[in-house]
Amino acid sequence: MDNIIFSSGRPQPPMPRQPKPSRSPESVSLIKTFLRALPKGEEDWDDKAPRTQEQIEQLRLDLTLSKLVREGRAKMKPKALLQSFAEEHAALLRNLESQIHSFVFIALGDVAIKSDLPVRDVDEMTMAYTGAQRSAVRTLRLGVRRWIKASDTLRQSWLPRADELPLRRRSFIHIMKKIPDEDIGILREMTIEGDRAVLADVKVYIPKKQLPSSSLRIPNIIYELHGGKLSLVDIERHLAVPTASNARVGDDDDDSTNHNMMQVMEGFVVATREPVRK
């Protein structure tokens, strides 16, 4: 009993906020360039499919090769799975015609490398189906990894529909690959003014209409493509991205941020058949 310390009951002083890390001017400029290209209004967010929950689900099924039974995909070797995806979506992969199909293909190849498929095999398949030069393949993988981190940051802070951006806008992978991992957090530091997210002189529209597009998150798609053979945690580790449950959602406990995070995590549960992490 002598060692028990009783609290005085007085409120503790608040913990001092950690200073925000300094950001390189080049990274801020790149982030601004990316933000300026995002949809400008509600019409831009609804100018092409998917526009409904049903269309998002159909796209998810398309990306996860649902024509092949889940158990069959789980038995496929990495090269066979990558080949099957490439053959199914060959027209959409050529010259990165569909960014979201291309991102999934590149991420699937990245995970295949971590599963011991030789890098040369993945590079040659990527070149054959996308038309990319050998020197560009590695930077494409880097760009996709950084896009996953950026989309997680956007979704968890102020843009729940971030996973649709590869469908809504083109060619931002080349910007993403130039932004250091530590500077992706710039996206989290934006302030909210009404229906806009603001970074200095750049204002980005936040769509009012909500769709369950978090099910299009690339690591979750890769998980389903493997038929659950690999855990989502392992896939995220292979892609060098933080796990969704551990990712930060910003410094402020804003009600809208917390609500968005709940939507995101509900989307993850729907999108995968993996047990919810405790």
C-alpha atoms as a PDB file:
ATOM      1  CA  MET A   1       0.000   0.000   0.000  1.00  0.00           C
ATOM      2  CA  ASP A   2       2.897   2.379   0.733  1.00  0.00           C
ATOM      3  CA  ASN A   3       3.811   2.443  -2.968  1.00  0.00           C
ATOM      4  CA  ILE A   4       0.369   3.492  -4.220  1.00  0.00           C
ATOM      5  CA  ILE A   5       0.251   7.058  -5.541  1.00  0.00           C
ATOM      6  CA  PHE A   6      -3.167   8.700  -5.503  1.00  0.00           C
ATOM      7  CA  SER A   7      -4.091  11.273  -8.148  1.00  0.00           C
ATOM      8  CA  SER A   8      -4.825  14.766  -6.914  1.00  0.00           C
ATOM      9  CA  GLY A   9      -7.865  14.851  -9.199  1.00  0.00           C
ATOM     10  CA  ARG A  10      -6.653  18.044 -10.795  1.00  0.00           C
ATOM     11  CA  PRO A  11      -6.670  18.121 -14.615  1.00  0.00           C
ATOM     12  CA  GLN A  12      -3.324  17.420 -16.185  1.00  0.00           C
ATOM     13  CA  PRO A  13      -1.774  20.082 -18.400  1.00  0.00           C
ATOM     14  CA  PRO A  14      -2.227  19.353 -22.124  1.00  0.00           C
ATOM     15  CA  MET A  15       0.611  17.604 -23.875  1.00  0.00           C
ATOM     16  CA  PRO A  16       2.465  20.006 -26.147  1.00  0.00           C
ATOM     17  CA  ARG A  17       1.808  19.479 -29.850  1.00  0.00           C
ATOM     18  CA  GLN A  18       4.696  18.151 -31.829  1.00  0.00           C
ATOM     19  CA  PRO A  19       5.914  20.707 -34.363  1.00  0.00           C
ATOM     20  CA  LYS A  20       5.013  19.838 -37.929  1.00  0.00           C
ATOM     21  CA  PRO A  21       7.987  18.615 -39.933  1.00  0.00           C
ATOM     22  CA  SER A  22       9.461  21.021 -42.428  1.00  0.00           C
ATOM     23  CA  ARG A  23       8.472  20.262 -46.014  1.00  0.00           C
ATOM     24  CA  SER A  24      10.637  20.750 -49.058  1.00  0.00           C
ATOM     25  CA  PRO A  25       9.410  23.507 -51.399  1.00  0.00           C
ATOM     26  CA  GLU A  26       9.699  21.072 -54.311  1.00  0.00           C
ATOM     27  CA  SER A  27       7.359  18.565 -52.622  1.00  0.00           C
ATOM     28  CA  VAL A  28       4.843  21.298 -51.778  1.00  0.00           C
ATOM     29  CA  SER A  29       4.932  22.415 -55.419  1.00  0.00           C
ATOM     30  CA  LEU A  30       4.380  18.843 -56.654  1.00  0.00           C
ATOM     31  CA  ILE A  31       1.488  18.330 -54.245  1.00  0.00           C
ATOM     32  CA  LYS A  32      -0.078  21.582 -55.460  1.00  0.00           C
ATOM     33  CA  THR A  33       0.262  20.452 -59.077  1.00  0.00           C
ATOM     34  CA  PHE A  34      -1.478  17.192 -58.202  1.00  0.00           C
ATOM     35  CA  LEU A  35      -4.250  18.982 -56.281  1.00  0.00           C
ATOM     36  CA  ARG A  36      -4.930  21.478 -59.078  1.00  0.00           C
ATOM     37  CA  ALA A  37      -5.718  18.583 -61.423  1.00  0.00           C
ATOM     38  CA  LEU A  38      -8.388  17.073 -59.148  1.00  0.00           C
ATOM     39  CA  PRO A  39     -12.126  17.311 -59.949  1.00  0.00           C
ATOM     40  CA  LYS A  40     -13.368  20.894 -59.660  1.00  0.00           C
ATOM     41  CA  GLY A  41     -16.987  20.304 -58.657  1.00  0.00           C
ATOM     42  CA  GLU A  42     -19.807  17.814 -58.209  1.00  0.00           C
ATOM     43  CA  GLU A  43     -20.187  17.425 -61.979  1.00  0.00           C
ATOM     44  CA  ASP A  44     -16.547  16.382 -62.361  1.00  0.00           C
ATOM     45  CA  TRP A  45     -17.032  13.709 -59.704  1.00  0.00           C
ATOM     46  CA  ASP A  46     -20.018  12.353 -61.623  1.00  0.00           C
ATOM     47  CA  ASP A  47     -18.899  12.740 -65.240  1.00  0.00           C
ATOM     48  CA  LYS A  48     -18.179   9.058 -65.814  1.00  0.00           C
ATOM     49  CA  ALA A  49     -18.761   5.655 -64.259  1.00  0.00           C
ATOM     50  CA  PRO A  50     -18.776   4.513 -61.552  1.00  0.00           C
ATOM     51  CA  ARG A  51     -21.649   6.699 -60.391  1.00  0.00           C
ATOM     52  CA  THR A  52     -23.485   4.199 -58.194  1.00  0.00           C
ATOM     53  CA  GLN A  53     -22.751   1.596 -55.543  1.00  0.00           C
ATOM     54  CA  GLU A  54     -23.645  -1.115 -58.060  1.00  0.00           C
ATOM     55  CA  GLN A  55     -21.131   0.205 -60.598  1.00  0.00           C
ATOM     56  CA  ILE A  56     -18.395   0.348 -57.962  1.00  0.00           C
ATOM     57  CA  GLU A  57     -19.123  -3.233 -56.972  1.00  0.00           C
ATOM     58  CA  GLN A  58     -19.016  -4.313 -60.623  1.00  0.00           C
ATOM     59  CA  LEU A  59     -15.648  -2.610 -61.075  1.00  0.00           C
ATOM     60  CA  ARG A  60     -14.343  -4.309 -57.933  1.00  0.00           C
ATOM     61  CA  LEU A  61     -15.459  -7.689 -59.288  1.00  0.00           C
ATOM     62  CA  ASP A  62     -13.788  -6.877 -62.600  1.00  0.00           C
ATOM     63  CA  LEU A  63     -10.509  -5.929 -60.912  1.00  0.00           C
ATOM     64  CA  THR A  64     -10.497  -9.044 -58.715  1.00  0.00           C
ATOM     65  CA  LEU A  65     -11.024 -11.489 -61.614  1.00  0.00           C
ATOM     66  CA  SER A  66     -14.285 -12.698 -60.115  1.00  0.00           C
ATOM     67  CA  LYS A  67     -14.843 -14.855 -63.223  1.00  0.00           C
ATOM     68  CA  LEU A  68     -12.290 -17.183 -61.656  1.00  0.00           C
ATOM     69  CA  VAL A  69     -13.478 -18.835 -58.463  1.00  0.00           C
ATOM     70  CA  ARG A  70     -11.825 -17.522 -55.311  1.00  0.00           C
ATOM     71  CA  GLU A  71     -10.426 -20.910 -54.336  1.00  0.00           C
ATOM     72  CA  GLY A  72      -8.911 -21.249 -57.803  1.00  0.00           C
ATOM     73  CA  ARG A  73      -7.184 -17.873 -57.551  1.00  0.00           C
ATOM     74  CA  ALA A  74      -5.801 -18.873 -54.156  1.00  0.00           C
ATOM     75  CA  LYS A  75      -4.130 -21.905 -55.757  1.00  0.00           C
ATOM     76  CA  MET A  76      -2.531 -19.953 -58.600  1.00  0.00           C
ATOM     77  CA  LYS A  77       1.176 -19.230 -58.542  1.00  0.00           C
ATOM     78  CA  PRO A  78       2.180 -15.540 -58.657  1.00  0.00           C
ATOM     79  CA  LYS A  79       3.185 -15.619 -62.323  1.00  0.00           C
ATOM     80  CA  ALA A  80      -0.033 -17.335 -63.398  1.00  0.00           C
ATOM     81  CA  LEU A  81      -2.150 -14.845 -61.456  1.00  0.00           C
ATOM     82  CA  LEU A  82      -0.270 -11.884 -62.931  1.00  0.00           C
ATOM     83  CA  GLN A  83      -0.596 -13.375 -66.421  1.00  0.00           C
ATOM     84  CA  SER A  84      -4.326 -13.973 -65.958  1.00  0.00           C
ATOM     85  CA  PHE A  85      -4.895 -10.363 -64.911  1.00  0.00           C
ATOM     86  CA  ALA A  86      -2.823  -9.073 -67.830  1.00  0.00           C
ATOM     87  CA  GLU A  87      -4.660 -11.189 -70.395  1.00  0.00           C
ATOM     88  CA  GLU A  88      -8.089 -10.245 -69.023  1.00  0.00           C
ATOM     89  CA  HIS A  89      -7.358  -6.509 -69.094  1.00  0.00           C
ATOM     90  CA  ALA A  90      -4.771  -6.257 -71.889  1.00  0.00           C
ATOM     91  CA  ALA A  91      -6.537  -3.429 -73.755  1.00  0.00           C
ATOM     92  CA  LEU A  92      -6.838  -1.339 -70.583  1.00  0.00           C
ATOM     93  CA  LEU A  93      -3.182  -1.832 -69.626  1.00  0.00           C
ATOM     94  CA  ARG A  94      -1.696  -0.694 -72.930  1.00  0.00           C
ATOM     95  CA  ASN A  95      -0.111   2.736 -72.404  1.00  0.00           C
ATOM     96  CA  LEU A  96      -1.793   2.809 -68.964  1.00  0.00           C
ATOM     97  CA  GLU A  97      -5.159   3.380 -70.692  1.00  0.00           C
ATOM     98  CA  SER A  98      -6.979   2.687 -67.429  1.00  0.00           C
ATOM     99  CA  GLN A  99      -4.981   3.999 -64.492  1.00  0.00           C
ATOM    100  CA  ILE A 100      -6.789   1.892 -61.919  1.00  0.00           C
ATOM    101  CA  HIS A 101      -6.305  -1.361 -63.870  1.00  0.00           C
ATOM    102  CA  SER A 102      -2.670  -0.427 -64.472  1.00  0.00           C
ATOM    103  CA  PHE A 103      -2.085   0.428 -60.807  1.00  0.00           C
ATOM    104  CA  VAL A 104      -3.534  -2.916 -59.710  1.00  0.00           C
ATOM    105  CA  PHE A 105      -1.423  -4.763 -62.297  1.00  0.00           C
ATOM    106  CA  ILE A 106       1.771  -3.000 -61.195  1.00  0.00           C
ATOM    107  CA  ALA A 107       1.003  -3.585 -57.507  1.00  0.00           C
ATOM    108  CA  LEU A 108       0.202  -7.239 -58.218  1.00  0.00           C
ATOM    109  CA  GLY A 109       3.615  -7.566 -59.876  1.00  0.00           C
ATOM    110  CA  ASP A 110       5.271  -5.876 -56.896  1.00  0.00           C
ATOM    111  CA  VAL A 111       3.691  -8.398 -54.517  1.00  0.00           C
ATOM    112  CA  ALA A 112       4.704 -11.225 -56.881  1.00  0.00           C
ATOM    113  CA  ILE A 113       8.338 -10.105 -56.609  1.00  0.00           C
ATOM    114  CA  LYS A 114       8.075 -10.267 -52.815  1.00  0.00           C
ATOM    115  CA  SER A 115       6.635 -13.774 -53.278  1.00  0.00           C
ATOM    116  CA  ASP A 116       9.847 -14.808 -55.078  1.00  0.00           C
ATOM    117  CA  LEU A 117       8.834 -14.322 -58.715  1.00  0.00           C
ATOM    118  CA  PRO A 118      12.029 -13.064 -60.412  1.00  0.00           C
ATOM    119  CA  VAL A 119      12.099  -9.315 -61.008  1.00  0.00           C
ATOM    120  CA  ARG A 120      13.052  -9.923 -64.643  1.00  0.00           C
ATOM    121  CA  ASP A 121       9.858 -11.930 -65.242  1.00  0.00           C
ATOM    122  CA  VAL A 122       7.697  -9.184 -63.747  1.00  0.00           C
ATOM    123  CA  ASP A 123       9.535  -6.450 -65.646  1.00  0.00           C
ATOM    124  CA  GLU A 124       9.174  -8.244 -68.973  1.00  0.00           C
ATOM    125  CA  MET A 125       5.464  -8.841 -68.446  1.00  0.00           C
ATOM    126  CA  THR A 126       4.962  -5.218 -67.405  1.00  0.00           C
ATOM    127  CA  MET A 127       6.779  -3.976 -70.503  1.00  0.00           C
ATOM    128  CA  ALA A 128       4.864  -6.340 -72.771  1.00  0.00           C
ATOM    129  CA  TYR A 129       1.412  -5.315 -71.550  1.00  0.00           C
ATOM    130  CA  THR A 130       1.866  -1.618 -70.716  1.00  0.00           C
ATOM    131  CA  GLY A 131       4.394  -0.614 -73.346  1.00  0.00           C
ATOM    132  CA  ALA A 132       6.640   0.906 -70.668  1.00  0.00           C
ATOM    133  CA  GLN A 133      10.395   0.959 -71.167  1.00  0.00           C
ATOM    134  CA  ARG A 134      12.513  -1.219 -68.888  1.00  0.00           C
ATOM    135  CA  SER A 135      13.999   1.881 -67.261  1.00  0.00           C
ATOM    136  CA  ALA A 136      10.483   3.080 -66.339  1.00  0.00           C
ATOM    137  CA  VAL A 137       9.131  -0.104 -64.769  1.00  0.00           C
ATOM    138  CA  ARG A 138      10.832   0.335 -61.405  1.00  0.00           C
ATOM    139  CA  THR A 139       9.650   3.945 -61.114  1.00  0.00           C
ATOM    140  CA  LEU A 140       6.101   2.825 -61.957  1.00  0.00           C
ATOM    141  CA  ARG A 141       6.217   0.482 -58.963  1.00  0.00           C
ATOM    142  CA  LEU A 142       7.499   3.314 -56.783  1.00  0.00           C
ATOM    143  CA  GLY A 143       4.764   5.624 -58.055  1.00  0.00           C
ATOM    144  CA  VAL A 144       2.018   3.102 -57.272  1.00  0.00           C
ATOM    145  CA  ARG A 145       3.351   2.518 -53.748  1.00  0.00           C
ATOM    146  CA  ARG A 146       3.336   6.250 -53.110  1.00  0.00           C
ATOM    147  CA  TRP A 147      -0.117   6.620 -54.629  1.00  0.00           C
ATOM    148  CA  ILE A 148      -1.444   4.014 -52.171  1.00  0.00           C
ATOM    149  CA  LYS A 149       0.038   6.020 -49.288  1.00  0.00           C
ATOM    150  CA  ALA A 150      -1.397   9.245 -50.694  1.00  0.00           C
ATOM    151  CA  SER A 151      -4.865   7.774 -51.240  1.00  0.00           C
ATOM    152  CA  ASP A 152      -4.893   6.350 -47.702  1.00  0.00           C
ATOM    153  CA  THR A 153      -3.927   9.774 -46.358  1.00  0.00           C
ATOM    154  CA  LEU A 154      -6.595  11.557 -48.406  1.00  0.00           C
ATOM    155  CA  ARG A 155      -9.332   9.069 -47.541  1.00  0.00           C
ATOM    156  CA  GLN A 156      -8.599   9.115 -43.834  1.00  0.00           C
ATOM    157  CA  SER A 157      -8.396  12.903 -43.563  1.00  0.00           C
ATOM    158  CA  TRP A 158     -10.767  14.765 -45.900  1.00  0.00           C
ATOM    159  CA  LEU A 159     -11.492  12.893 -49.172  1.00  0.00           C
ATOM    160  CA  PRO A 160     -13.395   9.614 -48.587  1.00  0.00           C
ATOM    161  CA  ARG A 161     -13.683   9.043 -52.361  1.00  0.00           C
ATOM    162  CA  ALA A 162      -9.920   9.215 -52.968  1.00  0.00           C
ATOM    163  CA  ASP A 163      -9.813   5.685 -54.400  1.00  0.00           C
ATOM    164  CA  GLU A 164     -11.794   6.894 -57.429  1.00  0.00           C
ATOM    165  CA  LEU A 165      -9.133   9.392 -58.476  1.00  0.00           C
ATOM    166  CA  PRO A 166      -7.290   7.005 -60.836  1.00  0.00           C
ATOM    167  CA  LEU A 167     -10.604   6.836 -62.726  1.00  0.00           C
ATOM    168  CA  ARG A 168     -11.336  10.559 -62.587  1.00  0.00           C
ATOM    169  CA  ARG A 169      -7.947  11.967 -63.544  1.00  0.00           C
ATOM    170  CA  ARG A 170      -5.008  10.692 -65.607  1.00  0.00           C
ATOM    171  CA  SER A 171      -1.234  10.591 -65.435  1.00  0.00           C
ATOM    172  CA  PHE A 172      -0.600  11.598 -61.829  1.00  0.00           C
ATOM    173  CA  ILE A 173       1.616   8.565 -61.175  1.00  0.00           C
ATOM    174  CA  HIS A 174       4.552  10.553 -62.594  1.00  0.00           C
ATOM    175  CA  ILE A 175       4.029  13.257 -59.966  1.00  0.00           C
ATOM    176  CA  MET A 176       3.591  10.753 -57.121  1.00  0.00           C
ATOM    177  CA  LYS A 177       6.880   8.988 -57.766  1.00  0.00           C
ATOM    178  CA  LYS A 178       8.729  12.297 -57.198  1.00  0.00           C
ATOM    179  CA  ILE A 179       7.220  13.012 -53.770  1.00  0.00           C
ATOM    180  CA  PRO A 180       9.242  11.591 -50.840  1.00  0.00           C
ATOM    181  CA  ASP A 181       7.266   9.330 -48.511  1.00  0.00           C
ATOM    182  CA  GLU A 182       7.698  11.716 -45.589  1.00  0.00           C
ATOM    183  CA  ASP A 183       6.148  14.601 -47.558  1.00  0.00           C
ATOM    184  CA  ILE A 184       2.934  12.788 -48.470  1.00  0.00           C
ATOM    185  CA  GLY A 185       1.757  13.981 -45.048  1.00  0.00           C
ATOM    186  CA  ILE A 186       1.300  17.432 -46.607  1.00  0.00           C
ATOM    187  CA  LEU A 187      -2.082  16.136 -47.791  1.00  0.00           C
ATOM    188  CA  ARG A 188      -3.099  15.537 -44.173  1.00  0.00           C
ATOM    189  CA  GLU A 189      -2.146  19.057 -43.115  1.00  0.00           C
ATOM    190  CA  MET A 190      -4.637  20.822 -45.384  1.00  0.00           C
ATOM    191  CA  THR A 191      -7.311  22.924 -43.716  1.00  0.00           C
ATOM    192  CA  ILE A 192     -11.040  22.573 -44.407  1.00  0.00           C
ATOM    193  CA  GLU A 193     -13.051  25.634 -45.400  1.00  0.00           C
ATOM    194  CA  GLY A 194     -16.656  24.690 -46.110  1.00  0.00           C
ATOM    195  CA  ASP A 195     -16.638  22.281 -49.055  1.00  0.00           C
ATOM    196  CA  ARG A 196     -12.970  22.908 -49.878  1.00  0.00           C
ATOM    197  CA  ALA A 197      -9.654  21.569 -48.646  1.00  0.00           C
ATOM    198  CA  VAL A 198      -7.043  24.310 -48.735  1.00  0.00           C
ATOM    199  CA  LEU A 199      -3.272  24.269 -49.143  1.00  0.00           C
ATOM    200  CA  ALA A 200      -1.942  27.840 -49.373  1.00  0.00           C
ATOM    201  CA  ASP A 201      -3.433  29.243 -52.601  1.00  0.00           C
ATOM    202  CA  VAL A 202      -4.901  25.913 -53.792  1.00  0.00           C
ATOM    203  CA  LYS A 203      -8.490  24.957 -52.979  1.00  0.00           C
ATOM    204  CA  VAL A 204      -9.838  21.474 -53.713  1.00  0.00           C
ATOM    205  CA  TYR A 205     -13.530  20.620 -53.918  1.00  0.00           C
ATOM    206  CA  ILE A 206     -14.799  17.911 -51.536  1.00  0.00           C
ATOM    207  CA  PRO A 207     -17.733  16.041 -53.139  1.00  0.00           C
ATOM    208  CA  LYS A 208     -21.019  16.013 -51.259  1.00  0.00           C
ATOM    209  CA  LYS A 209     -22.185  12.743 -52.797  1.00  0.00           C
ATOM    210  CA  GLN A 210     -20.648   9.757 -51.043  1.00  0.00           C
ATOM    211  CA  LEU A 211     -19.952   6.392 -52.666  1.00  0.00           C
ATOM    212  CA  PRO A 212     -18.467   3.255 -51.034  1.00  0.00           C
ATOM    213  CA  SER A 213     -15.360   3.489 -53.207  1.00  0.00           C
ATOM    214  CA  SER A 214     -12.934   2.556 -50.417  1.00  0.00           C
ATOM    215  CA  SER A 215     -13.576  -1.009 -51.642  1.00  0.00           C
ATOM    216  CA  LEU A 216     -11.367  -0.054 -54.617  1.00  0.00           C
ATOM    217  CA  ARG A 217      -8.331   0.431 -52.351  1.00  0.00           C
ATOM    218  CA  ILE A 218      -5.482  -1.295 -54.174  1.00  0.00           C
ATOM    219  CA  PRO A 219      -4.112  -3.502 -51.329  1.00  0.00           C
ATOM    220  CA  ASN A 220      -7.646  -4.791 -50.719  1.00  0.00           C
ATOM    221  CA  ILE A 221      -8.021  -5.609 -54.419  1.00  0.00           C
ATOM    222  CA  ILE A 222      -4.697  -7.489 -54.336  1.00  0.00           C
ATOM    223  CA  TYR A 223      -5.908  -9.407 -51.271  1.00  0.00           C
ATOM    224  CA  GLU A 224      -9.029 -10.549 -53.129  1.00  0.00           C
ATOM    225  CA  LEU A 225      -7.051 -11.415 -56.265  1.00  0.00           C
ATOM    226  CA  HIS A 226      -5.022 -13.843 -54.157  1.00  0.00           C
ATOM    227  CA  GLY A 227      -8.224 -15.393 -52.834  1.00  0.00           C
ATOM    228  CA  GLY A 228      -7.178 -14.672 -49.261  1.00  0.00           C
ATOM    229  CA  LYS A 229      -3.988 -16.734 -49.592  1.00  0.00           C
ATOM    230  CA  LEU A 230      -1.944 -13.738 -48.438  1.00  0.00           C
ATOM    231  CA  SER A 231      -3.065 -11.659 -45.482  1.00  0.00           C
ATOM    232  CA  LEU A 232      -3.890  -7.999 -46.004  1.00  0.00           C
ATOM    233  CA  VAL A 233      -1.135  -7.123 -43.511  1.00  0.00           C
ATOM    234  CA  ASP A 234       1.437  -9.027 -45.592  1.00  0.00           C
ATOM    235  CA  ILE A 235       0.256  -7.373 -48.803  1.00  0.00           C
ATOM    236  CA  GLU A 236       0.544  -3.929 -47.233  1.00  0.00           C
ATOM    237  CA  ARG A 237       4.018  -4.824 -45.986  1.00  0.00           C
ATOM    238  CA  HIS A 238       5.037  -6.010 -49.478  1.00  0.00           C
ATOM    239  CA  LEU A 239       3.812  -2.700 -50.904  1.00  0.00           C
ATOM    240  CA  ALA A 240       5.629  -0.738 -48.163  1.00  0.00           C
ATOM    241  CA  VAL A 241       2.481   1.033 -46.972  1.00  0.00           C
ATOM    242  CA  PRO A 242       1.195   1.399 -43.393  1.00  0.00           C
ATOM    243  CA  THR A 243      -1.637  -0.929 -42.435  1.00  0.00           C
ATOM    244  CA  ALA A 244      -5.026   0.748 -42.684  1.00  0.00           C
ATOM    245  CA  SER A 245      -5.834   0.228 -39.008  1.00  0.00           C
ATOM    246  CA  ASN A 246      -2.614   1.931 -37.905  1.00  0.00           C
ATOM    247  CA  ALA A 247      -2.576   4.835 -40.362  1.00  0.00           C
ATOM    248  CA  ARG A 248      -2.940   8.278 -38.814  1.00  0.00           C
ATOM    249  CA  VAL A 249      -6.064  10.261 -39.595  1.00  0.00           C
ATOM    250  CA  GLY A 250      -4.763  13.705 -38.706  1.00  0.00           C
ATOM    251  CA  ASP A 251      -4.042  15.719 -35.607  1.00  0.00           C
ATOM    252  CA  ASP A 252      -7.529  17.027 -34.863  1.00  0.00           C
ATOM    253  CA  ASP A 253     -10.348  14.932 -33.398  1.00  0.00           C
ATOM    254  CA  ASP A 254     -12.873  16.514 -35.729  1.00  0.00           C
ATOM    255  CA  ASP A 255     -16.287  14.823 -35.835  1.00  0.00           C
ATOM    256  CA  SER A 256     -16.371  14.751 -39.627  1.00  0.00           C
ATOM    257  CA  THR A 257     -12.921  13.180 -39.750  1.00  0.00           C
ATOM    258  CA  ASN A 258     -13.922  10.501 -37.250  1.00  0.00           C
ATOM    259  CA  HIS A 259     -17.134   9.838 -39.181  1.00  0.00           C
ATOM    260  CA  ASN A 260     -15.196   9.500 -42.421  1.00  0.00           C
ATOM    261  CA  MET A 261     -12.768   7.097 -40.773  1.00  0.00           C
ATOM    262  CA  MET A 262     -15.663   4.915 -39.615  1.00  0.00           C
ATOM    263  CA  GLN A 263     -16.949   4.826 -43.191  1.00  0.00           C
ATOM    264  CA  VAL A 264     -13.504   3.893 -44.440  1.00  0.00           C
ATOM    265  CA  MET A 265     -13.076   1.010 -42.032  1.00  0.00           C
ATOM    266  CA  GLU A 266     -16.587  -0.244 -42.788  1.00  0.00           C
ATOM    267  CA  GLY A 267     -15.582  -0.183 -46.442  1.00  0.00           C
ATOM    268  CA  PHE A 268     -12.528  -2.300 -45.679  1.00  0.00           C
ATOM    269  CA  VAL A 269     -14.655  -4.905 -43.913  1.00  0.00           C
ATOM    270  CA  VAL A 270     -17.018  -5.137 -46.878  1.00  0.00           C
ATOM    271  CA  ALA A 271     -14.206  -5.194 -49.399  1.00  0.00           C
ATOM    272  CA  THR A 272     -12.356  -8.165 -47.924  1.00  0.00           C
ATOM    273  CA  ARG A 273     -13.257 -11.462 -46.379  1.00  0.00           C
ATOM    274  CA  GLU A 274     -10.354 -11.346 -43.983  1.00  0.00           C
ATOM    275  CA  PRO A 275     -11.342 -11.297 -40.294  1.00  0.00           C
ATOM    276  CA  VAL A 276     -11.434  -7.837 -38.768  1.00  0.00           C
ATOM    277  CA  ARG A 277      -8.222  -7.089 -36.898  1.00  0.00           C
ATOM    278  CA  LYS A 278      -8.585  -6.913 -33.127  1.00  0.00           C
END
